[in-house]
Amino acid sequence: MGADFLSATWWTTTEVKEPTDDQIRQALDQITRADCIAQVIGDIDETDEFEHETVQFMRDLESQGRLSVRGVVETLVSMWREFFESLRGRDVGWQIYYGGQDGVVLRQYLTGGMSWGDPPTEAFSLWSDLWTITEDLAPGACAELGVFFSPFMAATRGNS
């Protein structure tokens, strides 16, 4: 029985400041457009439309009686707030990369560890769910907020 090493990385420029809730809502604005309402509320069971994490997110909101466009947006705002707070957590490391000729300075936030089927850290679980759900429902919102996700990597380690 082996374990997987899982890691998740978010990148941002050092100029990006933590957005306000209103700035997060603005980045998620496309969810509130009329053509998204039917997609968000009506297609909850269409698993080919959304990733597994997004369908589970919608089902959780439905079971709480909060499945509406406003419920989706406000829950995502809360998740984004939790994300920015997680960057200061003890299970997250960061490093700075100084750019070459263009002078761009990047900050990389990392989390991860060994996994035997469960997420290795709380931040890892939040980050991967947040990325998937946001990109499913509001493509481009992460970039608008100035953060970019590098999908996690898994390296299987065999029996030793």
N, C-alpha and C. Protein backbone atom coordinates (compact mmCIF):
# COMPACT_ATOMS: atom_id res chain seq x y z
N MET A 1 0.85 -1.17 0.00
CA MET A 1 0.00 0.00 0.00
C MET A 1 0.89 1.23 0.00
N GLY A 2 0.71 2.09 -0.99
CA GLY A 2 1.57 3.25 -1.12
C GLY A 2 0.85 4.54 -0.80
N ALA A 3 1.61 5.57 -0.75
CA ALA A 3 1.07 6.90 -0.49
C ALA A 3 1.40 7.79 -1.67
N ASP A 4 0.62 8.83 -1.83
CA ASP A 4 0.86 9.82 -2.88
C ASP A 4 1.35 11.10 -2.23
N PHE A 5 2.27 11.77 -2.92
CA PHE A 5 2.66 13.11 -2.49
C PHE A 5 1.83 14.08 -3.30
N LEU A 6 1.07 14.92 -2.64
CA LEU A 6 0.21 15.89 -3.30
C LEU A 6 0.64 17.29 -2.92
N SER A 7 0.68 18.17 -3.91
CA SER A 7 0.99 19.57 -3.60
C SER A 7 0.10 20.46 -4.43
N ALA A 8 -0.16 21.63 -3.91
CA ALA A 8 -0.93 22.65 -4.62
C ALA A 8 -0.18 23.96 -4.52
N THR A 9 -0.22 24.73 -5.58
CA THR A 9 0.51 25.98 -5.63
C THR A 9 -0.37 27.09 -6.19
N TRP A 10 -0.34 28.24 -5.53
CA TRP A 10 -0.97 29.45 -6.07
C TRP A 10 0.16 30.44 -6.32
N TRP A 11 0.06 31.12 -7.44
CA TRP A 11 1.03 32.15 -7.81
C TRP A 11 0.33 33.50 -7.85
N THR A 12 1.05 34.54 -7.46
CA THR A 12 0.55 35.90 -7.60
C THR A 12 1.75 36.82 -7.72
N THR A 13 1.52 38.00 -8.27
CA THR A 13 2.60 38.98 -8.26
C THR A 13 2.61 39.62 -6.87
N THR A 14 3.72 40.14 -6.47
CA THR A 14 3.81 40.73 -5.14
C THR A 14 3.00 42.03 -5.05
N GLU A 15 2.59 42.59 -6.19
CA GLU A 15 1.79 43.82 -6.18
C GLU A 15 0.33 43.55 -5.84
N VAL A 16 -0.11 42.32 -5.98
CA VAL A 16 -1.51 41.99 -5.73
C VAL A 16 -1.79 42.08 -4.24
N LYS A 17 -2.82 42.83 -3.91
CA LYS A 17 -3.24 42.96 -2.51
C LYS A 17 -4.48 42.10 -2.30
N GLU A 18 -4.71 41.71 -1.07
CA GLU A 18 -5.89 40.90 -0.75
C GLU A 18 -7.14 41.69 -1.11
N PRO A 19 -8.01 41.12 -1.95
CA PRO A 19 -9.19 41.86 -2.39
C PRO A 19 -10.25 41.97 -1.30
N THR A 20 -11.08 42.98 -1.44
CA THR A 20 -12.22 43.11 -0.54
C THR A 20 -13.31 42.14 -1.00
N ASP A 21 -14.32 41.95 -0.16
CA ASP A 21 -15.44 41.08 -0.54
C ASP A 21 -16.12 41.60 -1.80
N ASP A 22 -16.25 42.92 -1.93
CA ASP A 22 -16.88 43.49 -3.13
C ASP A 22 -16.05 43.22 -4.38
N GLN A 23 -14.73 43.26 -4.27
CA GLN A 23 -13.89 42.94 -5.43
C GLN A 23 -14.02 41.46 -5.81
N ILE A 24 -14.16 40.59 -4.81
CA ILE A 24 -14.38 39.17 -5.10
C ILE A 24 -15.72 38.99 -5.80
N ARG A 25 -16.78 39.66 -5.28
CA ARG A 25 -18.09 39.57 -5.92
C ARG A 25 -18.03 40.05 -7.37
N GLN A 26 -17.28 41.11 -7.61
CA GLN A 26 -17.15 41.64 -8.97
C GLN A 26 -16.48 40.61 -9.88
N ALA A 27 -15.45 39.93 -9.40
CA ALA A 27 -14.77 38.90 -10.19
C ALA A 27 -15.71 37.74 -10.49
N LEU A 28 -16.65 37.48 -9.58
CA LEU A 28 -17.61 36.39 -9.76
C LEU A 28 -18.88 36.85 -10.46
N ASP A 29 -18.89 38.09 -10.94
CA ASP A 29 -20.09 38.71 -11.49
C ASP A 29 -20.76 37.89 -12.60
N GLN A 30 -19.98 37.17 -13.38
CA GLN A 30 -20.58 36.44 -14.49
C GLN A 30 -21.56 35.37 -14.03
N ILE A 31 -21.45 34.92 -12.78
CA ILE A 31 -22.41 33.95 -12.25
C ILE A 31 -23.81 34.57 -12.20
N THR A 32 -23.89 35.87 -11.97
CA THR A 32 -25.18 36.53 -11.83
C THR A 32 -25.84 36.87 -13.16
N ARG A 33 -25.14 36.68 -14.26
CA ARG A 33 -25.76 36.94 -15.57
C ARG A 33 -26.91 35.97 -15.80
N ALA A 34 -27.90 36.41 -16.52
CA ALA A 34 -29.11 35.60 -16.74
C ALA A 34 -28.80 34.24 -17.36
N ASP A 35 -27.84 34.18 -18.27
CA ASP A 35 -27.57 32.89 -18.93
C ASP A 35 -26.88 31.90 -18.00
N CYS A 36 -26.36 32.36 -16.89
CA CYS A 36 -25.73 31.45 -15.93
C CYS A 36 -26.73 30.93 -14.91
N ILE A 37 -27.82 31.65 -14.70
CA ILE A 37 -28.76 31.25 -13.65
C ILE A 37 -29.28 29.84 -13.89
N ALA A 38 -29.71 29.55 -15.12
CA ALA A 38 -30.23 28.21 -15.43
C ALA A 38 -29.13 27.17 -15.28
N GLN A 39 -27.92 27.51 -15.69
CA GLN A 39 -26.81 26.57 -15.59
C GLN A 39 -26.50 26.25 -14.14
N VAL A 40 -26.44 27.27 -13.31
CA VAL A 40 -26.08 27.08 -11.91
C VAL A 40 -27.17 26.32 -11.15
N ILE A 41 -28.41 26.71 -11.35
CA ILE A 41 -29.49 26.12 -10.58
C ILE A 41 -30.08 24.89 -11.26
N GLY A 42 -30.21 24.92 -12.58
CA GLY A 42 -30.93 23.87 -13.28
C GLY A 42 -30.15 22.61 -13.57
N ASP A 43 -28.86 22.70 -13.71
CA ASP A 43 -28.08 21.56 -14.17
C ASP A 43 -27.29 20.88 -13.06
N ILE A 44 -27.79 20.94 -11.85
CA ILE A 44 -27.03 20.40 -10.72
C ILE A 44 -26.70 18.92 -10.88
N ASP A 45 -27.58 18.17 -11.54
CA ASP A 45 -27.34 16.74 -11.68
C ASP A 45 -26.62 16.37 -12.96
N GLU A 46 -26.32 17.33 -13.79
CA GLU A 46 -25.63 17.06 -15.04
C GLU A 46 -24.13 16.99 -14.78
N THR A 47 -23.66 15.82 -14.37
CA THR A 47 -22.26 15.70 -13.97
C THR A 47 -21.30 15.92 -15.14
N ASP A 48 -21.77 15.78 -16.37
CA ASP A 48 -20.88 16.04 -17.49
C ASP A 48 -20.68 17.54 -17.71
N GLU A 49 -21.53 18.37 -17.11
CA GLU A 49 -21.41 19.82 -17.23
C GLU A 49 -20.36 20.38 -16.27
N PHE A 50 -20.28 19.77 -15.09
CA PHE A 50 -19.43 20.29 -14.03
C PHE A 50 -18.49 19.21 -13.50
N GLU A 51 -17.41 19.65 -12.90
CA GLU A 51 -16.51 18.74 -12.20
C GLU A 51 -17.21 18.21 -10.94
N HIS A 52 -16.72 17.09 -10.43
CA HIS A 52 -17.30 16.46 -9.25
C HIS A 52 -17.40 17.44 -8.07
N GLU A 53 -16.34 18.22 -7.82
CA GLU A 53 -16.33 19.15 -6.69
C GLU A 53 -17.44 20.19 -6.81
N THR A 54 -17.71 20.63 -8.03
CA THR A 54 -18.75 21.64 -8.25
C THR A 54 -20.13 21.04 -8.00
N VAL A 55 -20.36 19.83 -8.49
CA VAL A 55 -21.65 19.17 -8.26
C VAL A 55 -21.87 18.98 -6.76
N GLN A 56 -20.83 18.54 -6.04
CA GLN A 56 -20.96 18.35 -4.59
C GLN A 56 -21.23 19.68 -3.89
N PHE A 57 -20.56 20.73 -4.32
CA PHE A 57 -20.76 22.08 -3.78
C PHE A 57 -22.23 22.48 -3.94
N MET A 58 -22.79 22.25 -5.14
CA MET A 58 -24.19 22.60 -5.42
C MET A 58 -25.14 21.76 -4.57
N ARG A 59 -24.86 20.47 -4.47
CA ARG A 59 -25.73 19.59 -3.67
C ARG A 59 -25.71 20.00 -2.20
N ASP A 60 -24.53 20.39 -1.70
CA ASP A 60 -24.45 20.86 -0.31
C ASP A 60 -25.29 22.12 -0.11
N LEU A 61 -25.21 23.05 -1.05
CA LEU A 61 -26.03 24.27 -0.95
C LEU A 61 -27.51 23.94 -1.03
N GLU A 62 -27.86 22.98 -1.90
CA GLU A 62 -29.26 22.58 -2.03
C GLU A 62 -29.77 21.99 -0.72
N SER A 63 -28.96 21.14 -0.09
CA SER A 63 -29.39 20.51 1.17
C SER A 63 -29.52 21.53 2.30
N GLN A 64 -28.82 22.65 2.18
CA GLN A 64 -28.89 23.72 3.18
C GLN A 64 -29.98 24.74 2.85
N GLY A 65 -30.68 24.53 1.71
CA GLY A 65 -31.71 25.48 1.28
C GLY A 65 -31.13 26.79 0.77
N ARG A 66 -29.88 26.75 0.29
CA ARG A 66 -29.19 27.98 -0.15
C ARG A 66 -28.81 27.93 -1.62
N LEU A 67 -29.44 27.02 -2.41
CA LEU A 67 -29.09 26.92 -3.82
C LEU A 67 -29.81 28.00 -4.61
N SER A 68 -29.12 29.10 -4.79
CA SER A 68 -29.58 30.23 -5.60
C SER A 68 -28.31 30.90 -6.10
N VAL A 69 -28.45 31.78 -7.05
CA VAL A 69 -27.27 32.49 -7.54
C VAL A 69 -26.62 33.26 -6.40
N ARG A 70 -27.43 33.93 -5.59
CA ARG A 70 -26.87 34.68 -4.46
C ARG A 70 -26.18 33.74 -3.47
N GLY A 71 -26.80 32.58 -3.21
CA GLY A 71 -26.19 31.61 -2.30
C GLY A 71 -24.86 31.11 -2.81
N VAL A 72 -24.77 30.86 -4.12
CA VAL A 72 -23.52 30.42 -4.73
C VAL A 72 -22.45 31.49 -4.60
N VAL A 73 -22.80 32.72 -4.97
CA VAL A 73 -21.82 33.82 -4.93
C VAL A 73 -21.34 34.07 -3.51
N GLU A 74 -22.26 34.16 -2.56
CA GLU A 74 -21.86 34.47 -1.19
C GLU A 74 -21.04 33.34 -0.57
N THR A 75 -21.35 32.09 -0.92
CA THR A 75 -20.54 30.98 -0.42
C THR A 75 -19.15 31.02 -1.02
N LEU A 76 -19.05 31.35 -2.31
CA LEU A 76 -17.72 31.47 -2.93
C LEU A 76 -16.94 32.65 -2.35
N VAL A 77 -17.62 33.76 -2.07
CA VAL A 77 -16.93 34.89 -1.43
C VAL A 77 -16.35 34.43 -0.09
N SER A 78 -17.13 33.68 0.67
CA SER A 78 -16.65 33.17 1.94
C SER A 78 -15.46 32.22 1.75
N MET A 79 -15.51 31.36 0.73
CA MET A 79 -14.40 30.46 0.45
C MET A 79 -13.15 31.24 0.04
N TRP A 80 -13.33 32.29 -0.77
CA TRP A 80 -12.17 33.11 -1.17
C TRP A 80 -11.57 33.82 0.04
N ARG A 81 -12.42 34.29 0.95
CA ARG A 81 -11.92 34.93 2.17
C ARG A 81 -11.10 33.91 2.96
N GLU A 82 -11.64 32.68 3.08
CA GLU A 82 -10.93 31.61 3.79
C GLU A 82 -9.61 31.29 3.08
N PHE A 83 -9.61 31.32 1.74
CA PHE A 83 -8.38 31.09 0.98
C PHE A 83 -7.31 32.10 1.36
N PHE A 84 -7.65 33.39 1.34
CA PHE A 84 -6.65 34.41 1.65
C PHE A 84 -6.17 34.29 3.09
N GLU A 85 -7.05 33.90 3.99
CA GLU A 85 -6.62 33.65 5.37
C GLU A 85 -5.69 32.44 5.45
N SER A 86 -5.95 31.43 4.62
CA SER A 86 -5.12 30.21 4.65
C SER A 86 -3.68 30.48 4.23
N LEU A 87 -3.45 31.54 3.48
CA LEU A 87 -2.09 31.85 3.03
C LEU A 87 -1.17 32.19 4.20
N ARG A 88 -1.76 32.51 5.33
CA ARG A 88 -0.99 32.81 6.53
C ARG A 88 -0.96 31.63 7.49
N GLY A 89 -1.50 30.48 7.06
CA GLY A 89 -1.58 29.30 7.92
C GLY A 89 -0.25 28.57 8.06
N ARG A 90 -0.20 27.72 9.05
CA ARG A 90 1.05 27.00 9.31
C ARG A 90 1.29 25.85 8.34
N ASP A 91 0.26 25.45 7.57
CA ASP A 91 0.45 24.39 6.58
C ASP A 91 0.72 24.95 5.19
N VAL A 92 1.07 26.23 5.13
CA VAL A 92 1.36 26.90 3.85
C VAL A 92 2.73 27.56 3.93
N GLY A 93 3.53 27.32 2.92
CA GLY A 93 4.82 27.99 2.81
C GLY A 93 4.79 28.92 1.61
N TRP A 94 5.72 29.84 1.55
CA TRP A 94 5.78 30.72 0.39
C TRP A 94 7.22 31.09 0.09
N GLN A 95 7.43 31.46 -1.14
CA GLN A 95 8.74 31.94 -1.57
C GLN A 95 8.55 32.97 -2.68
N ILE A 96 9.56 33.78 -2.86
CA ILE A 96 9.50 34.85 -3.87
C ILE A 96 10.49 34.55 -4.97
N TYR A 97 10.03 34.76 -6.20
CA TYR A 97 10.88 34.62 -7.39
C TYR A 97 11.03 35.99 -8.02
N TYR A 98 12.26 36.42 -8.18
CA TYR A 98 12.52 37.72 -8.79
C TYR A 98 12.66 37.53 -10.29
N GLY A 99 11.90 38.33 -11.04
CA GLY A 99 11.85 38.20 -12.49
C GLY A 99 13.15 38.62 -13.16
N GLY A 100 13.28 38.18 -14.38
CA GLY A 100 14.47 38.49 -15.17
C GLY A 100 14.35 39.87 -15.78
N GLN A 101 14.37 39.93 -17.08
CA GLN A 101 14.40 41.20 -17.79
C GLN A 101 13.14 42.04 -17.57
N ASP A 102 12.00 41.38 -17.44
CA ASP A 102 10.77 42.16 -17.28
C ASP A 102 10.56 42.63 -15.84
N GLY A 103 11.33 42.12 -14.89
CA GLY A 103 11.28 42.58 -13.52
C GLY A 103 10.06 42.14 -12.72
N VAL A 104 9.28 41.20 -13.24
CA VAL A 104 8.10 40.73 -12.51
C VAL A 104 8.55 39.92 -11.29
N VAL A 105 7.96 40.22 -10.17
CA VAL A 105 8.27 39.51 -8.95
C VAL A 105 7.05 38.66 -8.60
N LEU A 106 7.27 37.34 -8.48
CA LEU A 106 6.18 36.42 -8.19
C LEU A 106 6.30 35.87 -6.78
N ARG A 107 5.16 35.69 -6.15
CA ARG A 107 5.11 35.03 -4.86
C ARG A 107 4.41 33.70 -5.09
N GLN A 108 5.01 32.62 -4.60
CA GLN A 108 4.46 31.28 -4.75
C GLN A 108 4.06 30.78 -3.37
N TYR A 109 2.79 30.36 -3.25
CA TYR A 109 2.29 29.76 -2.01
C TYR A 109 2.15 28.26 -2.24
N LEU A 110 2.65 27.45 -1.31
CA LEU A 110 2.64 25.99 -1.46
C LEU A 110 2.02 25.32 -0.25
N THR A 111 1.34 24.22 -0.52
CA THR A 111 0.88 23.35 0.56
C THR A 111 0.87 21.93 0.02
N GLY A 112 0.92 20.96 0.89
CA GLY A 112 0.87 19.58 0.43
C GLY A 112 1.52 18.65 1.42
N GLY A 113 1.65 17.42 0.99
CA GLY A 113 2.26 16.40 1.83
C GLY A 113 1.87 15.02 1.36
N MET A 114 2.19 14.04 2.17
CA MET A 114 1.85 12.66 1.84
C MET A 114 0.36 12.42 2.11
N SER A 115 -0.24 11.62 1.24
CA SER A 115 -1.66 11.34 1.35
C SER A 115 -1.91 9.85 1.19
N TRP A 116 -2.77 9.33 2.02
CA TRP A 116 -3.21 7.94 1.92
C TRP A 116 -4.70 7.92 1.59
N GLY A 117 -5.13 8.83 0.71
CA GLY A 117 -6.53 8.89 0.30
C GLY A 117 -7.24 10.15 0.73
N ASP A 118 -6.74 10.82 1.74
CA ASP A 118 -7.32 12.07 2.21
C ASP A 118 -6.43 13.22 1.78
N PRO A 119 -6.99 14.43 1.69
CA PRO A 119 -6.13 15.58 1.39
C PRO A 119 -5.04 15.73 2.46
N PRO A 120 -3.84 16.09 2.06
CA PRO A 120 -2.73 16.17 3.02
C PRO A 120 -2.82 17.34 3.99
N THR A 121 -3.49 18.42 3.60
CA THR A 121 -3.64 19.58 4.49
C THR A 121 -5.03 20.18 4.27
N GLU A 122 -5.49 20.96 5.24
CA GLU A 122 -6.77 21.67 5.08
C GLU A 122 -6.67 22.67 3.93
N ALA A 123 -5.53 23.33 3.83
CA ALA A 123 -5.36 24.31 2.75
C ALA A 123 -5.44 23.62 1.39
N PHE A 124 -4.85 22.45 1.26
CA PHE A 124 -4.88 21.72 -0.01
C PHE A 124 -6.31 21.45 -0.45
N SER A 125 -7.13 20.98 0.47
CA SER A 125 -8.52 20.68 0.17
C SER A 125 -9.27 21.94 -0.26
N LEU A 126 -9.13 23.01 0.50
CA LEU A 126 -9.78 24.28 0.17
C LEU A 126 -9.31 24.79 -1.19
N TRP A 127 -8.00 24.81 -1.41
CA TRP A 127 -7.46 25.37 -2.64
C TRP A 127 -7.94 24.62 -3.88
N SER A 128 -7.89 23.29 -3.83
CA SER A 128 -8.27 22.53 -5.03
C SER A 128 -9.76 22.65 -5.29
N ASP A 129 -10.59 22.63 -4.24
CA ASP A 129 -12.03 22.81 -4.43
C ASP A 129 -12.34 24.21 -4.94
N LEU A 130 -11.71 25.22 -4.35
CA LEU A 130 -11.97 26.60 -4.75
C LEU A 130 -11.62 26.83 -6.21
N TRP A 131 -10.47 26.32 -6.63
CA TRP A 131 -10.05 26.47 -8.02
C TRP A 131 -11.06 25.82 -8.96
N THR A 132 -11.41 24.58 -8.69
CA THR A 132 -12.31 23.83 -9.57
C THR A 132 -13.68 24.50 -9.66
N ILE A 133 -14.25 24.85 -8.52
CA ILE A 133 -15.60 25.44 -8.50
C ILE A 133 -15.59 26.80 -9.17
N THR A 134 -14.60 27.64 -8.85
CA THR A 134 -14.53 28.97 -9.45
C THR A 134 -14.37 28.88 -10.96
N GLU A 135 -13.48 28.02 -11.43
CA GLU A 135 -13.27 27.91 -12.88
C GLU A 135 -14.48 27.30 -13.59
N ASP A 136 -15.21 26.41 -12.92
CA ASP A 136 -16.44 25.87 -13.51
C ASP A 136 -17.50 26.94 -13.66
N LEU A 137 -17.70 27.74 -12.62
CA LEU A 137 -18.83 28.68 -12.59
C LEU A 137 -18.49 30.09 -13.04
N ALA A 138 -17.25 30.49 -12.92
CA ALA A 138 -16.84 31.85 -13.28
C ALA A 138 -15.45 31.83 -13.89
N PRO A 139 -15.31 31.23 -15.09
CA PRO A 139 -13.98 31.13 -15.71
C PRO A 139 -13.31 32.50 -15.81
N GLY A 140 -12.06 32.54 -15.43
CA GLY A 140 -11.31 33.79 -15.49
C GLY A 140 -11.34 34.60 -14.20
N ALA A 141 -12.19 34.22 -13.25
CA ALA A 141 -12.29 35.00 -12.01
C ALA A 141 -10.99 34.95 -11.21
N CYS A 142 -10.31 33.80 -11.22
CA CYS A 142 -9.04 33.70 -10.48
C CYS A 142 -8.04 34.71 -11.03
N ALA A 143 -7.93 34.75 -12.35
CA ALA A 143 -7.00 35.70 -12.98
C ALA A 143 -7.40 37.13 -12.67
N GLU A 144 -8.69 37.41 -12.65
CA GLU A 144 -9.14 38.76 -12.33
C GLU A 144 -8.76 39.15 -10.90
N LEU A 145 -8.72 38.16 -10.01
CA LEU A 145 -8.30 38.41 -8.63
C LEU A 145 -6.78 38.44 -8.50
N GLY A 146 -6.08 38.11 -9.57
CA GLY A 146 -4.62 38.19 -9.58
C GLY A 146 -3.91 36.98 -9.01
N VAL A 147 -4.60 35.84 -8.95
CA VAL A 147 -3.98 34.62 -8.45
C VAL A 147 -4.13 33.52 -9.49
N PHE A 148 -3.13 32.67 -9.58
CA PHE A 148 -3.10 31.62 -10.58
C PHE A 148 -2.74 30.31 -9.89
N PHE A 149 -3.49 29.29 -10.20
CA PHE A 149 -3.34 28.00 -9.54
C PHE A 149 -2.56 27.05 -10.43
N SER A 150 -1.61 26.34 -9.83
CA SER A 150 -0.93 25.24 -10.52
C SER A 150 -1.55 23.97 -9.99
N PRO A 151 -2.19 23.20 -10.86
CA PRO A 151 -2.84 21.97 -10.39
C PRO A 151 -1.86 21.11 -9.61
N PHE A 152 -2.41 20.41 -8.64
CA PHE A 152 -1.57 19.58 -7.78
C PHE A 152 -0.93 18.46 -8.60
N MET A 153 0.16 17.98 -8.07
CA MET A 153 0.87 16.88 -8.68
C MET A 153 0.80 15.70 -7.75
N ALA A 154 0.69 14.52 -8.30
CA ALA A 154 0.68 13.32 -7.46
C ALA A 154 1.78 12.40 -7.95
N ALA A 155 2.62 11.98 -7.05
CA ALA A 155 3.69 11.02 -7.38
C ALA A 155 3.47 9.81 -6.49
N THR A 156 3.08 8.72 -7.07
CA THR A 156 2.80 7.53 -6.29
C THR A 156 4.09 6.88 -5.81
N ARG A 157 4.08 6.54 -4.56
CA ARG A 157 5.24 5.86 -3.96
C ARG A 157 4.79 4.44 -3.65
N GLY A 158 5.49 3.50 -4.15
CA GLY A 158 5.12 2.09 -3.95
C GLY A 158 5.46 1.59 -2.56
N ASN A 159 5.21 0.33 -2.36
CA ASN A 159 5.54 -0.29 -1.08
C ASN A 159 7.03 -0.25 -0.84
N SER A 160 7.39 0.00 0.39
CA SER A 160 8.83 -0.02 0.69
C SER A 160 9.11 -0.89 1.88
